[in-house]
Amino acid sequence: MRITSHPILNFTEKKLVQFNFNGQQLEGYAGEPIAAALHAAGITVLRHSHELNRPRGLFCAIGNCSSCLMVVDGMPNVRVCVEPLQDGMIVETQIGRGKLP
């Protein structure tokens, strides 16, 4: 689910890194948004709405909405659409509004 070639854009080679999502070992490219790495792995539901428990995916992709809030390395309410992926990160689906460690 990742664009690898484009008629106009050039994609530079980036370092492949490992990260953990809900106990599952995944890989992505260092520095890309966490949401992009999740999407490339086929994960499109990032959280569920508070009241009706409806699935939420990537919406604005610029850090303005709350559709992509997740727990990253124990810190809740991280907007994964703009948070750069780093090697060894632990990313978890956030339940509700999140609780500080």
Protein backbone atom coordinates (compact mmCIF):
# COMPACT_ATOMS: atom_id res chain seq x y z
CA MET A 1 0.00 0.00 0.00
CA ARG A 2 2.98 2.28 -0.52
CA ILE A 3 3.73 4.34 -3.64
CA THR A 4 7.14 3.26 -4.91
CA SER A 5 7.32 5.01 -8.25
CA HIS A 6 5.81 8.21 -9.58
CA PRO A 7 6.11 9.96 -12.97
CA ILE A 8 7.08 13.31 -11.42
CA LEU A 9 8.28 12.73 -7.86
CA ASN A 10 11.50 11.01 -6.82
CA PHE A 11 11.59 8.96 -3.64
CA THR A 12 14.92 8.93 -1.87
CA GLU A 13 16.08 5.77 -0.13
CA LYS A 14 15.42 5.89 3.62
CA LYS A 15 16.48 3.67 6.48
CA LEU A 16 14.08 0.83 7.23
CA VAL A 17 13.28 0.63 10.97
CA GLN A 18 11.29 -1.71 13.21
CA PHE A 19 8.48 -0.60 15.51
CA ASN A 20 5.80 -2.28 17.61
CA PHE A 21 2.09 -1.70 17.07
CA ASN A 22 -0.29 -3.29 19.58
CA GLY A 23 2.17 -6.14 20.14
CA GLN A 24 2.82 -6.68 16.43
CA GLN A 25 6.29 -6.07 15.00
CA LEU A 26 6.10 -3.83 11.89
CA GLU A 27 8.55 -1.87 9.78
CA GLY A 28 8.55 1.52 8.16
CA TYR A 29 10.96 4.21 7.08
CA ALA A 30 12.73 6.40 9.62
CA GLY A 31 11.28 9.91 9.66
CA GLU A 32 8.04 9.15 7.84
CA PRO A 33 4.82 9.83 9.79
CA ILE A 34 3.81 6.89 11.97
CA ALA A 35 0.39 6.92 10.28
CA ALA A 36 2.05 6.41 6.88
CA ALA A 37 3.94 3.35 8.15
CA LEU A 38 0.73 1.95 9.65
CA HIS A 39 -1.18 2.59 6.42
CA ALA A 40 1.55 0.88 4.39
CA ALA A 41 1.16 -2.14 6.70
CA GLY A 42 -2.57 -2.24 5.96
CA ILE A 43 -3.69 -0.66 9.24
CA THR A 44 -6.27 1.99 8.43
CA VAL A 45 -8.25 2.22 11.69
CA LEU A 46 -6.27 4.35 14.12
CA ARG A 47 -8.83 4.73 16.91
CA HIS A 48 -12.57 4.72 17.68
CA SER A 49 -14.88 7.61 18.50
CA HIS A 50 -15.59 8.24 22.20
CA GLU A 51 -19.37 8.07 22.21
CA LEU A 52 -20.41 5.75 19.38
CA ASN A 53 -17.21 3.67 19.08
CA ARG A 54 -17.02 4.28 15.32
CA PRO A 55 -13.68 3.59 13.60
CA ARG A 56 -11.50 6.59 12.78
CA GLY A 57 -8.73 6.67 10.22
CA LEU A 58 -6.41 9.26 8.78
CA PHE A 59 -8.43 12.43 8.18
CA CYS A 60 -6.58 15.74 7.97
CA ALA A 61 -2.97 14.41 7.91
CA ILE A 62 -1.63 17.78 9.16
CA GLY A 63 -2.12 17.49 12.91
CA ASN A 64 -5.28 19.60 13.25
CA CYS A 65 -7.92 16.99 14.06
CA SER A 66 -8.01 14.23 16.67
CA SER A 67 -8.69 11.25 14.41
CA CYS A 68 -5.16 9.88 14.72
CA LEU A 69 -4.45 10.21 18.45
CA MET A 70 -2.51 7.20 19.72
CA VAL A 71 -0.22 6.22 22.59
CA VAL A 72 3.44 6.41 21.50
CA ASP A 73 6.15 5.16 23.86
CA GLY A 74 3.69 5.49 26.75
CA MET A 75 2.64 9.06 25.95
CA PRO A 76 -1.08 9.45 25.07
CA ASN A 77 -2.64 11.88 22.59
CA VAL A 78 0.19 11.78 20.04
CA ARG A 79 -0.92 12.83 16.56
CA VAL A 80 0.62 10.04 14.51
CA CYS A 81 -0.10 11.80 11.22
CA VAL A 82 2.77 14.21 11.95
CA GLU A 83 4.92 12.28 14.46
CA PRO A 84 8.09 10.94 12.78
CA LEU A 85 8.72 7.21 13.04
CA GLN A 86 11.84 6.14 14.94
CA ASP A 87 13.42 2.75 15.42
CA GLY A 88 11.99 0.76 18.34
CA MET A 89 8.89 2.91 18.94
CA ILE A 90 5.96 1.32 20.74
CA VAL A 91 2.67 2.50 19.23
CA GLU A 92 -0.66 1.53 20.78
CA THR A 93 -4.29 2.20 19.98
CA GLN A 94 -5.61 4.78 22.43
CA ILE A 95 -8.80 3.94 24.27
CA GLY A 96 -10.88 6.97 25.19
CA ARG A 97 -9.16 10.24 25.97
CA GLY A 98 -5.87 8.71 27.11
CA LYS A 99 -4.23 8.66 30.51
CA LEU A 100 -0.84 10.10 31.37
CA PRO A 101 1.72 7.59 32.68
